[in-house]
Amino acid sequence: MKAILQAPNVPREIDLEALSDYLSLSYVPTPKSIFRHIRKLRPGHYLVVSDGYMQESEYWDISFGHIRQLAEKKWCEELLENYLEAVRIRLISDVPLGAFLSGGIDSASVVALMSELKGEPVLTSSIGFEEKEFDELDYAREVASRFNANHHEKVVRPDALETIGKLAWHYDEPFADSSAIPTYYVSKIARENVTVALSGDGGDENFAGYRRYYFDKRENMFRKLLPLSMRRPIFGTLASLYPKADWAPRIFRGKATFESLASSSIEGYFLSMSAFRPSMKARLLHPDVRQELAGYDTLDVFRYYYDKADTDDPITRIQYVDIKTYLTDDILVKVDRASMANSLEVRAPILDQKFMEFMATIPSSLKLRGTVGKYILKKALGGVLPETILHRKKMGFAVPLAQWFRNELKDMAHDVIFTDNNDGLFDKGAVAQVWREHQRGFRDRSTELWSIFMFRLWQRRFLNGNEISENGW
C-alpha cells in the first residue's frame, strides 16, 4: 500500500467501517483497506481491467459439500499420503531450505515429513520467551532432537522498540495480532541460515484445532434446547448481571458464555473472535464516529461467509469462516509481512490446494472428537511424532503483552497512545479509563491497548506521510 500512496493525489481518508472492523478483529478484512479509496483483492479472486472496465472473478473456493465416509485407518493412510506429497513439492528449491518449529503438532509434523523426504537433518528455527507460560522451546528442542535437526533458537524480549516500529511500517495497515513479533524474530533467525522456510500454518483451521471450536460446539448444544427468542432475554439478562472475569479459564467466564448463548451461532462465534466486544468498542470510539457508522456491524463480515458455506454442519461452517477471514487476513498476512521483511520465503504445505480439498472431505466428527481437536491428524501421526507432542496442551503463538504494558513497554505505549491524538476517532476519556484499569491490575486490557497502540504507531507513519522510510516510529 505504501507504493500506492506515492502516486499523486491518493486520498488518505480513513474508512471508518474498516476501523471498526480492525478493532473487532485486530486486522482489516478484505476487500476493505484502512483507506476508503484503496481496496484489496479477495483471496482466490482475479481482477480484469480493460478499457476502463473492471471485473473481479472468483477462480477457486474450498467446498465442504462432498463429505466421504471411510474407515479411520483408511483416513489415516490417505491423510499421510496427501500430506507427504504436499511437503514434497515444497522442498523443490535452488536455495537453502529449512522449517519453523514451535513444538506444536503442525510444525513438528512438517519437520518430521521433511526429515523423512530429505534423508538428512532439517535446519529448524524457534523462538521463546523469558516468561515460561509463553515459552515452547523445550517442546521444540524435543522435536529437533527426535529428528536430529540442525536447530537454532532465540529468546524474544520486550526491549525491541525499533522492531515494533518496523512492524507498523511493514504491515501497511493497522495490524494488532501481537504474534507478529515472534513471527518476525523467527523469520529473522531462519534467514540467517536459509532462504526458504516451511511452516505449519493452516493446521488449526483445516483440522478444527482451536479450542474455540470445542466451545462453539458445546454452546450450540445448549442453543438447540431453546429458541433464540427465549435465549436472548434469559441469557442476555444473566450476562448483564454476571461479573466480568478476564482472569478465569473460559469455561468459568460466565459473562462471556451467557452473552454467547443469548446469540445465534454465528453471533456467538463472532463474539469469541472479537478483540473488542461490541459494548467496549462503542465506549472507545468517539461519539461522532459511532454516529457516522450508523449502526454498521462487523458481524456482517462473518455472516457473509457463514451463509456462503456449502454445508449445514456448524463446526464446518465456522471452519469456512476462519479460512476466509482469520487465516487469509490475519495469519497469512502476518507471516507474509514478517518473513518478507527479512527476505525469507515461507511455504505452508497444509495449505496446499489439493491437500485442503482432501481435508474438506473428512467429517468434522473426525476433526473434533469430544474435547480433542485435530483428532484424525493425531491418529495419522501416531507413529511419527512423540506422544508428548501429540497430546500436549495447546499454546497459542502469544506474547506476554499484559506484563509488557505494565513494565518494559509502559512509557513508549503511553506516549504513542496519548500524545497529540486529537483526531476525533477515539473517546479520550474511555481510552484513559482502559489504561488505568490495566495499570492498576483491575482488568487485563492488554488486547485493547495493543490494538490502539498499533493503530497510533501506524497513524504516525502513514497519515503523516512518513511511510517512505522503514526506520523510526
Protein backbone atom coordinates (compact mmCIF):
# COMPACT_ATOMS: atom_id res chain seq x y z
CA MET A 1 0.00 0.00 0.00
CA LYS A 2 2.89 2.39 0.68
CA ALA A 3 3.74 2.14 -3.02
CA ILE A 4 0.22 3.23 -3.99
CA LEU A 5 0.45 6.16 -1.60
CA GLN A 6 3.41 7.52 -3.57
CA ALA A 7 1.11 8.18 -6.51
CA PRO A 8 -0.09 11.79 -6.59
CA ASN A 9 -3.50 12.76 -5.24
CA VAL A 10 -4.30 9.45 -3.49
CA PRO A 11 -6.66 10.44 -0.63
CA ARG A 12 -5.68 9.24 2.85
CA GLU A 13 -9.19 9.27 4.24
CA ILE A 14 -9.74 6.57 6.86
CA ASP A 15 -12.55 4.11 6.17
CA LEU A 16 -14.48 4.16 9.44
CA GLU A 17 -16.04 0.76 8.73
CA ALA A 18 -12.53 -0.64 8.30
CA LEU A 19 -11.50 0.99 11.59
CA SER A 20 -14.48 -0.65 13.28
CA ASP A 21 -13.54 -4.00 11.74
CA TYR A 22 -9.95 -3.59 12.88
CA LEU A 23 -10.97 -3.01 16.49
CA SER A 24 -13.15 -6.12 16.45
CA LEU A 25 -10.81 -8.44 14.57
CA SER A 26 -7.28 -6.97 15.01
CA TYR A 27 -6.96 -6.74 11.22
CA VAL A 28 -8.78 -5.09 8.31
CA PRO A 29 -10.73 -7.78 6.42
CA THR A 30 -10.62 -7.98 2.64
CA PRO A 31 -11.82 -6.29 0.42
CA LYS A 32 -11.61 -3.19 2.62
CA SER A 33 -8.42 -1.39 3.49
CA ILE A 34 -7.92 1.18 6.22
CA PHE A 35 -8.16 3.84 3.47
CA ARG A 36 -11.57 4.45 1.94
CA HIS A 37 -10.16 4.87 -1.58
CA ILE A 38 -7.94 1.76 -1.62
CA ARG A 39 -9.33 -1.76 -1.83
CA LYS A 40 -7.80 -5.24 -1.60
CA LEU A 41 -8.42 -8.18 -3.90
CA ARG A 42 -10.17 -11.10 -2.21
CA PRO A 43 -8.16 -14.35 -1.91
CA GLY A 44 -9.00 -16.82 -4.65
CA HIS A 45 -10.02 -13.99 -6.99
CA TYR A 46 -8.51 -12.25 -10.00
CA LEU A 47 -9.19 -8.78 -11.37
CA VAL A 48 -9.53 -7.89 -15.05
CA VAL A 49 -9.08 -4.24 -16.04
CA SER A 50 -9.67 -3.36 -19.69
CA ASP A 51 -10.61 -0.08 -21.36
CA GLY A 52 -11.73 1.44 -18.07
CA TYR A 53 -13.86 -1.61 -17.24
CA MET A 54 -13.04 -3.61 -14.10
CA GLN A 55 -14.36 -7.04 -13.12
CA GLU A 56 -13.45 -9.24 -10.16
CA SER A 57 -13.96 -13.01 -10.51
CA GLU A 58 -13.51 -15.96 -8.18
CA TYR A 59 -11.28 -18.71 -9.57
CA TRP A 60 -11.13 -21.07 -6.54
CA ASP A 61 -13.12 -21.82 -3.43
CA ILE A 62 -13.00 -24.58 -0.85
CA SER A 63 -16.06 -26.85 -0.80
CA PHE A 64 -17.22 -28.84 2.23
CA GLY A 65 -20.18 -30.31 0.37
CA HIS A 66 -18.60 -33.67 -0.52
CA ILE A 67 -18.01 -35.47 2.78
CA ARG A 68 -16.83 -39.08 2.44
CA GLN A 69 -17.27 -41.99 4.82
CA LEU A 70 -14.17 -44.14 5.29
CA ALA A 71 -12.74 -46.36 7.99
CA GLU A 72 -10.50 -44.48 10.41
CA LYS A 73 -7.44 -46.46 9.33
CA LYS A 74 -8.09 -45.61 5.69
CA TRP A 75 -8.41 -41.91 6.54
CA CYS A 76 -5.03 -42.03 8.31
CA GLU A 77 -3.37 -43.67 5.33
CA GLU A 78 -4.78 -41.19 2.83
CA LEU A 79 -4.03 -38.25 5.08
CA LEU A 80 -0.34 -39.15 5.43
CA GLU A 81 -0.06 -39.85 1.72
CA ASN A 82 -1.53 -36.46 0.77
CA TYR A 83 0.39 -34.61 3.48
CA LEU A 84 3.69 -36.15 2.40
CA GLU A 85 3.07 -35.05 -1.19
CA ALA A 86 2.21 -31.51 -0.09
CA VAL A 87 5.53 -31.33 1.78
CA ARG A 88 7.50 -32.98 -1.04
CA ILE A 89 6.61 -30.44 -3.71
CA ARG A 90 7.57 -27.60 -1.34
CA LEU A 91 11.07 -28.98 -0.96
CA ILE A 92 11.85 -28.08 -4.57
CA SER A 93 14.32 -25.23 -4.22
CA ASP A 94 17.60 -23.94 -5.61
CA VAL A 95 18.40 -22.16 -2.35
CA PRO A 96 18.90 -23.30 1.30
CA LEU A 97 15.65 -24.51 2.84
CA GLY A 98 14.54 -25.11 6.45
CA ALA A 99 11.47 -25.00 8.70
CA PHE A 100 9.85 -23.07 11.52
CA LEU A 101 9.48 -25.21 14.66
CA SER A 102 7.22 -24.13 17.52
CA GLY A 103 6.92 -27.51 19.24
CA GLY A 104 3.26 -27.82 18.29
CA ILE A 105 1.86 -30.68 16.25
CA ASP A 106 1.62 -28.77 12.96
CA SER A 107 5.19 -27.51 12.67
CA ALA A 108 6.52 -30.72 14.24
CA SER A 109 4.75 -32.83 11.61
CA VAL A 110 6.18 -30.69 8.81
CA VAL A 111 9.69 -31.20 10.22
CA ALA A 112 9.08 -34.94 10.59
CA LEU A 113 7.95 -35.34 6.98
CA MET A 114 10.77 -33.12 5.71
CA SER A 115 13.25 -35.28 7.57
CA GLU A 116 11.79 -38.42 6.01
CA LEU A 117 11.85 -36.98 2.50
CA LYS A 118 15.25 -35.29 2.65
CA GLY A 119 17.06 -38.10 4.45
CA GLU A 120 19.27 -35.54 6.21
CA PRO A 121 18.97 -33.13 9.17
CA VAL A 122 16.46 -30.32 8.68
CA LEU A 123 17.52 -26.81 9.64
CA THR A 124 14.91 -25.59 12.16
CA SER A 125 14.29 -22.20 13.79
CA SER A 126 12.41 -21.48 17.03
CA ILE A 127 11.79 -18.58 19.38
CA GLY A 128 10.95 -18.47 23.09
CA PHE A 129 10.23 -16.07 25.93
CA GLU A 130 11.66 -15.46 29.39
CA GLU A 131 8.10 -15.85 30.73
CA LYS A 132 7.70 -19.62 30.99
CA GLU A 133 3.93 -19.64 30.47
CA PHE A 134 4.56 -18.38 26.92
CA ASP A 135 7.69 -20.41 26.19
CA GLU A 136 7.65 -23.54 23.99
CA LEU A 137 11.37 -24.02 23.47
CA ASP A 138 11.52 -27.25 25.46
CA TYR A 139 8.98 -28.85 23.10
CA ALA A 140 10.79 -27.51 20.04
CA ARG A 141 14.05 -28.94 21.33
CA GLU A 142 12.40 -32.32 21.87
CA VAL A 143 11.22 -32.44 18.26
CA ALA A 144 14.56 -31.20 16.97
CA SER A 145 16.34 -33.91 18.94
CA ARG A 146 13.91 -36.61 17.77
CA PHE A 147 14.68 -35.85 14.11
CA ASN A 148 18.31 -34.84 14.58
CA ALA A 149 17.57 -31.32 13.27
CA ASN A 150 20.14 -28.58 12.89
CA HIS A 151 18.34 -26.40 15.43
CA HIS A 152 18.54 -22.62 16.02
CA GLU A 153 16.62 -20.57 18.60
CA LYS A 154 16.27 -17.11 20.12
CA VAL A 155 14.58 -15.68 23.24
CA VAL A 156 12.37 -12.65 22.45
CA ARG A 157 12.50 -9.74 24.90
CA PRO A 158 10.23 -6.67 25.01
CA ASP A 159 13.02 -4.12 24.63
CA ALA A 160 12.95 -4.24 20.84
CA LEU A 161 11.24 -0.85 20.40
CA GLU A 162 12.75 -0.43 16.95
CA THR A 163 11.25 -3.74 15.84
CA ILE A 164 7.74 -2.76 16.94
CA GLY A 165 8.04 0.46 14.95
CA LYS A 166 9.25 -1.53 11.94
CA LEU A 167 6.21 -3.81 12.16
CA ALA A 168 3.87 -0.83 11.88
CA TRP A 169 5.72 0.10 8.69
CA HIS A 170 5.89 -3.37 7.13
CA TYR A 171 2.21 -4.19 7.57
CA ASP A 172 0.99 -1.06 5.71
CA GLU A 173 -2.29 -1.14 7.67
CA PRO A 174 -3.07 -1.24 11.38
CA PHE A 175 -2.41 -4.84 12.42
CA ALA A 176 -2.85 -5.91 16.04
CA ASP A 177 -2.02 -9.61 16.09
CA SER A 178 0.83 -9.43 18.61
CA SER A 179 2.24 -12.76 17.41
CA ALA A 180 3.68 -10.71 14.54
CA ILE A 181 6.55 -10.01 16.96
CA PRO A 182 7.70 -13.63 17.43
CA THR A 183 6.93 -14.32 13.76
CA TYR A 184 9.30 -11.50 12.79
CA TYR A 185 12.04 -12.88 15.04
CA VAL A 186 11.69 -16.50 13.97
CA SER A 187 11.87 -15.29 10.36
CA LYS A 188 14.96 -13.26 11.20
CA ILE A 189 16.88 -16.16 12.72
CA ALA A 190 15.74 -18.52 9.96
CA ARG A 191 17.03 -16.11 7.30
CA GLU A 192 20.49 -16.24 8.85
CA ASN A 193 20.75 -19.80 7.53
CA VAL A 194 18.12 -20.37 4.82
CA THR A 195 16.21 -18.54 2.11
CA VAL A 196 13.04 -20.66 2.25
CA ALA A 197 11.24 -21.99 5.33
CA LEU A 198 8.28 -24.35 5.62
CA SER A 199 5.62 -23.62 8.23
CA GLY A 200 2.70 -25.44 9.86
CA ASP A 201 0.15 -22.70 9.13
CA GLY A 202 -3.37 -23.92 8.41
CA GLY A 203 -3.49 -26.94 10.69
CA ASP A 204 -5.93 -25.46 13.19
CA GLU A 205 -8.34 -24.17 10.56
CA ASN A 206 -8.38 -27.36 8.50
CA PHE A 207 -8.43 -29.84 11.39
CA ALA A 208 -10.55 -27.90 13.93
CA GLY A 209 -7.61 -27.45 16.27
CA TYR A 210 -8.61 -24.23 18.02
CA ARG A 211 -10.19 -24.61 21.45
CA ARG A 212 -12.89 -22.20 20.37
CA TYR A 213 -14.30 -24.89 18.07
CA TYR A 214 -14.99 -27.07 21.10
CA PHE A 215 -16.63 -24.21 22.99
CA ASP A 216 -18.73 -23.35 19.95
CA LYS A 217 -19.84 -26.97 19.64
CA ARG A 218 -20.78 -27.09 23.32
CA GLU A 219 -22.69 -23.82 23.14
CA ASN A 220 -24.57 -24.98 20.04
CA MET A 221 -25.82 -27.97 22.04
CA PHE A 222 -27.39 -25.52 24.51
CA ARG A 223 -28.75 -23.36 21.71
CA LYS A 224 -30.72 -26.32 20.38
CA LEU A 225 -32.63 -26.60 23.67
CA LEU A 226 -34.26 -23.17 23.45
CA PRO A 227 -35.20 -20.92 20.52
CA LEU A 228 -33.32 -17.65 20.10
CA SER A 229 -36.43 -15.67 21.05
CA MET A 230 -36.22 -17.22 24.54
CA ARG A 231 -32.47 -17.33 24.88
CA ARG A 232 -31.91 -13.63 24.16
CA PRO A 233 -33.85 -12.29 27.16
CA ILE A 234 -32.87 -15.10 29.56
CA PHE A 235 -29.13 -15.29 28.91
CA GLY A 236 -28.87 -11.63 27.98
CA THR A 237 -30.12 -10.71 31.46
CA LEU A 238 -27.75 -13.19 33.10
CA ALA A 239 -24.83 -11.75 31.09
CA SER A 240 -25.64 -8.22 32.27
CA LEU A 241 -25.69 -9.34 35.92
CA TYR A 242 -22.63 -11.62 35.85
CA PRO A 243 -19.25 -10.04 36.76
CA LYS A 244 -16.56 -9.99 34.09
CA ALA A 245 -13.69 -12.41 34.89
CA ASP A 246 -10.88 -11.98 32.36
CA TRP A 247 -8.51 -13.88 34.62
CA ALA A 248 -10.55 -17.11 34.69
CA PRO A 249 -10.37 -20.03 32.24
CA ARG A 250 -13.02 -19.60 29.58
CA ILE A 251 -15.21 -22.39 30.95
CA PHE A 252 -15.66 -20.28 34.10
CA ARG A 253 -16.20 -16.98 32.34
CA GLY A 254 -19.94 -16.91 32.85
CA LYS A 255 -20.46 -13.46 31.37
CA ALA A 256 -18.89 -14.37 28.03
CA THR A 257 -20.75 -17.69 27.93
CA PHE A 258 -24.12 -16.09 28.71
CA GLU A 259 -23.54 -13.44 26.04
CA SER A 260 -22.79 -16.17 23.54
CA LEU A 261 -25.84 -18.23 24.49
CA ALA A 262 -28.00 -15.13 24.06
CA SER A 263 -26.83 -15.01 20.45
CA SER A 264 -27.19 -17.04 17.27
CA SER A 265 -24.41 -19.46 16.36
CA ILE A 266 -22.53 -17.03 14.10
CA GLU A 267 -23.09 -14.14 16.52
CA GLY A 268 -21.65 -16.22 19.35
CA TYR A 269 -18.65 -17.23 17.27
CA PHE A 270 -18.04 -13.62 16.27
CA LEU A 271 -18.04 -12.61 19.95
CA SER A 272 -15.47 -15.32 20.72
CA MET A 273 -13.21 -13.91 17.98
CA SER A 274 -13.62 -10.24 18.87
CA ALA A 275 -10.72 -8.33 20.40
CA PHE A 276 -13.20 -5.63 21.38
CA ARG A 277 -16.64 -6.72 22.50
CA PRO A 278 -19.32 -4.54 20.85
CA SER A 279 -20.03 -2.68 24.11
CA MET A 280 -16.33 -1.93 24.63
CA LYS A 281 -15.91 -0.79 21.04
CA ALA A 282 -18.87 1.56 21.41
CA ARG A 283 -17.26 3.04 24.55
CA LEU A 284 -13.89 3.66 22.94
CA LEU A 285 -15.00 5.09 19.60
CA HIS A 286 -15.70 8.81 19.56
CA PRO A 287 -19.46 9.61 19.52
CA ASP A 288 -19.09 11.31 16.12
CA VAL A 289 -17.55 8.13 14.69
CA ARG A 290 -20.34 5.99 16.11
CA GLN A 291 -22.90 8.32 14.55
CA GLU A 292 -21.23 8.18 11.15
CA LEU A 293 -21.05 4.38 11.28
CA ALA A 294 -24.85 4.46 11.51
CA GLY A 295 -25.23 1.01 13.03
CA TYR A 296 -22.64 -0.75 10.86
CA ASP A 297 -21.80 -4.17 12.36
CA THR A 298 -18.55 -6.08 11.72
CA LEU A 299 -20.54 -9.25 12.34
CA ASP A 300 -21.70 -8.95 8.72
CA VAL A 301 -18.17 -9.89 7.58
CA PHE A 302 -18.52 -13.26 9.31
CA ARG A 303 -22.18 -13.71 8.44
CA TYR A 304 -21.42 -13.42 4.70
CA TYR A 305 -19.10 -16.43 4.76
CA TYR A 306 -21.18 -18.37 7.27
CA ASP A 307 -24.12 -18.17 4.85
CA LYS A 308 -21.89 -18.88 1.83
CA ALA A 309 -20.51 -22.19 3.18
CA ASP A 310 -21.99 -25.18 1.31
CA THR A 311 -22.66 -27.18 4.46
CA ASP A 312 -25.11 -27.29 7.37
CA ASP A 313 -22.55 -28.65 9.82
CA PRO A 314 -21.91 -25.93 12.47
CA ILE A 315 -18.23 -26.80 13.02
CA THR A 316 -17.50 -26.92 9.31
CA ARG A 317 -19.26 -23.61 8.74
CA ILE A 318 -17.04 -21.79 11.22
CA GLN A 319 -14.00 -23.54 9.73
CA TYR A 320 -15.03 -21.98 6.42
CA VAL A 321 -15.44 -18.58 8.07
CA ASP A 322 -11.95 -18.87 9.58
CA ILE A 323 -10.39 -19.92 6.28
CA LYS A 324 -11.94 -16.92 4.53
CA THR A 325 -11.20 -14.34 7.24
CA TYR A 326 -8.80 -15.11 10.09
CA LEU A 327 -6.50 -17.39 8.07
CA THR A 328 -6.19 -15.20 4.99
CA ASP A 329 -6.36 -11.70 6.50
CA ASP A 330 -4.54 -12.34 9.79
CA ILE A 331 -2.37 -15.47 9.84
CA LEU A 332 -1.09 -15.36 6.27
CA VAL A 333 -0.72 -11.57 6.20
CA LYS A 334 1.23 -11.80 9.47
CA VAL A 335 3.61 -14.45 8.14
CA ASP A 336 3.98 -12.87 4.71
CA ARG A 337 4.93 -9.41 6.00
CA ALA A 338 7.16 -10.64 8.83
CA SER A 339 9.03 -13.11 6.63
CA MET A 340 9.46 -10.88 3.60
CA ALA A 341 10.67 -8.10 5.91
CA ASN A 342 13.60 -10.47 6.41
CA SER A 343 13.80 -11.56 2.74
CA LEU A 344 12.55 -15.03 3.66
CA GLU A 345 10.07 -17.06 1.61
CA VAL A 346 7.62 -19.15 3.66
CA ARG A 347 5.74 -22.15 2.25
CA ALA A 348 2.80 -23.79 4.01
CA PRO A 349 2.25 -27.46 3.00
CA ILE A 350 -1.02 -27.77 4.95
CA LEU A 351 -2.46 -25.02 2.73
CA ASP A 352 -1.69 -26.93 -0.44
CA GLN A 353 -4.78 -26.66 -2.66
CA LYS A 354 -5.21 -30.39 -3.20
CA PHE A 355 -4.47 -31.22 0.43
CA MET A 356 -7.10 -28.70 1.58
CA GLU A 357 -9.63 -30.18 -0.85
CA PHE A 358 -8.86 -33.62 0.58
CA MET A 359 -9.24 -32.41 4.17
CA ALA A 360 -12.57 -30.81 3.30
CA THR A 361 -13.99 -34.31 2.60
CA ILE A 362 -13.24 -35.53 6.15
CA PRO A 363 -16.26 -35.44 8.52
CA SER A 364 -15.96 -32.85 11.28
CA SER A 365 -16.53 -35.64 13.82
CA LEU A 366 -13.05 -36.92 12.90
CA LYS A 367 -11.52 -33.50 13.31
CA LEU A 368 -13.11 -32.58 16.63
CA ARG A 369 -13.78 -35.72 18.69
CA GLY A 370 -15.19 -34.81 22.10
CA THR A 371 -12.75 -32.28 23.50
CA VAL A 372 -9.91 -33.38 21.20
CA GLY A 373 -9.17 -31.19 18.20
CA LYS A 374 -7.16 -32.47 15.22
CA TYR A 375 -8.24 -35.99 16.19
CA ILE A 376 -7.61 -37.67 12.83
CA LEU A 377 -4.34 -35.81 12.28
CA LYS A 378 -3.07 -37.01 15.66
CA LYS A 379 -4.15 -40.55 14.83
CA ALA A 380 -2.35 -40.44 11.50
CA LEU A 381 0.82 -39.13 13.15
CA GLY A 382 0.72 -41.65 15.99
CA GLY A 383 3.82 -43.47 14.79
CA VAL A 384 5.57 -40.35 13.59
CA LEU A 385 5.63 -37.83 16.49
CA PRO A 386 6.34 -38.36 20.20
CA GLU A 387 3.29 -38.75 22.43
CA THR A 388 4.38 -35.71 24.44
CA ILE A 389 3.97 -33.57 21.31
CA LEU A 390 0.79 -35.21 20.04
CA HIS A 391 -1.10 -34.79 23.32
CA ARG A 392 0.43 -31.71 24.90
CA LYS A 393 -1.74 -28.78 25.92
CA LYS A 394 -2.18 -26.32 23.07
CA MET A 395 -0.39 -22.99 23.33
CA GLY A 396 -1.03 -20.06 21.06
CA PHE A 397 1.86 -18.18 19.46
CA ALA A 398 1.34 -15.41 22.01
CA VAL A 399 3.46 -12.79 23.74
CA PRO A 400 3.21 -11.56 27.37
CA LEU A 401 1.52 -8.28 26.50
CA ALA A 402 -0.13 -7.77 29.89
CA GLN A 403 3.25 -7.75 31.63
CA TRP A 404 4.93 -5.69 28.93
CA PHE A 405 2.33 -2.91 29.14
CA ARG A 406 2.89 -2.64 32.91
CA ASN A 407 6.67 -2.71 32.64
CA GLU A 408 9.02 -2.54 29.66
CA LEU A 409 6.57 -1.08 27.10
CA LYS A 410 4.72 1.21 29.51
CA ASP A 411 6.43 4.51 28.75
CA MET A 412 6.57 4.04 24.99
CA ALA A 413 2.96 2.88 24.83
CA HIS A 414 1.70 5.79 26.92
CA ASP A 415 3.49 8.27 24.68
CA VAL A 416 2.15 6.71 21.47
CA ILE A 417 -1.43 6.27 22.72
CA PHE A 418 -1.92 9.64 24.42
CA THR A 419 0.38 12.24 22.79
CA ASP A 420 -1.02 14.55 20.09
CA ASN A 421 -4.02 12.38 19.25
CA ASN A 422 -6.89 14.80 18.79
CA ASP A 423 -8.25 13.36 15.57
CA GLY A 424 -11.70 12.59 16.96
CA LEU A 425 -11.51 8.84 16.33
CA PHE A 426 -11.42 7.63 19.94
CA ASP A 427 -13.04 8.82 23.15
CA LYS A 428 -10.01 10.04 25.10
CA GLY A 429 -11.67 9.56 28.48
CA ALA A 430 -12.64 5.97 27.71
CA VAL A 431 -9.13 5.15 26.47
CA ALA A 432 -7.65 6.66 29.64
CA GLN A 433 -10.01 4.56 31.74
CA VAL A 434 -8.90 1.37 29.96
CA TRP A 435 -5.25 2.34 30.56
CA ARG A 436 -5.88 2.88 34.29
CA GLU A 437 -7.77 -0.40 34.66
CA HIS A 438 -4.84 -2.28 33.18
CA GLN A 439 -2.11 -0.48 35.08
CA ARG A 440 -3.90 -0.99 38.39
CA GLY A 441 -4.41 -4.68 37.67
CA PHE A 442 -8.22 -4.49 37.77
CA ARG A 443 -8.59 -5.97 34.28
CA ASP A 444 -6.35 -7.39 31.61
CA ARG A 445 -6.81 -4.76 28.92
CA SER A 446 -3.64 -5.62 27.01
CA THR A 447 -5.51 -6.71 23.86
CA GLU A 448 -7.45 -3.45 23.64
CA LEU A 449 -4.36 -1.36 24.43
CA TRP A 450 -2.25 -3.19 21.86
CA SER A 451 -4.88 -2.52 19.18
CA ILE A 452 -4.93 1.21 19.93
CA PHE A 453 -1.13 1.31 20.30
CA MET A 454 -0.52 -0.33 16.90
CA PHE A 455 -3.14 1.89 15.25
CA ARG A 456 -1.42 5.01 16.59
CA LEU A 457 2.01 3.74 15.51
CA TRP A 458 0.65 3.13 12.01
CA GLN A 459 -1.04 6.53 12.02
CA ARG A 460 2.23 8.32 12.79
CA ARG A 461 3.79 6.80 9.70
CA PHE A 462 1.04 6.64 7.10
CA LEU A 463 -1.26 9.55 7.85
CA ASN A 464 1.63 11.93 8.36
CA GLY A 465 3.38 10.87 5.15
CA ASN A 466 6.33 9.22 6.89
CA GLU A 467 5.91 5.81 5.25
CA ILE A 468 8.84 6.12 2.84
CA SER A 469 11.49 5.10 5.39
CA GLU A 470 11.40 1.89 7.42
CA ASN A 471 13.35 3.41 10.30
CA GLY A 472 11.79 5.38 13.13
CA TRP A 473 8.34 5.43 14.68
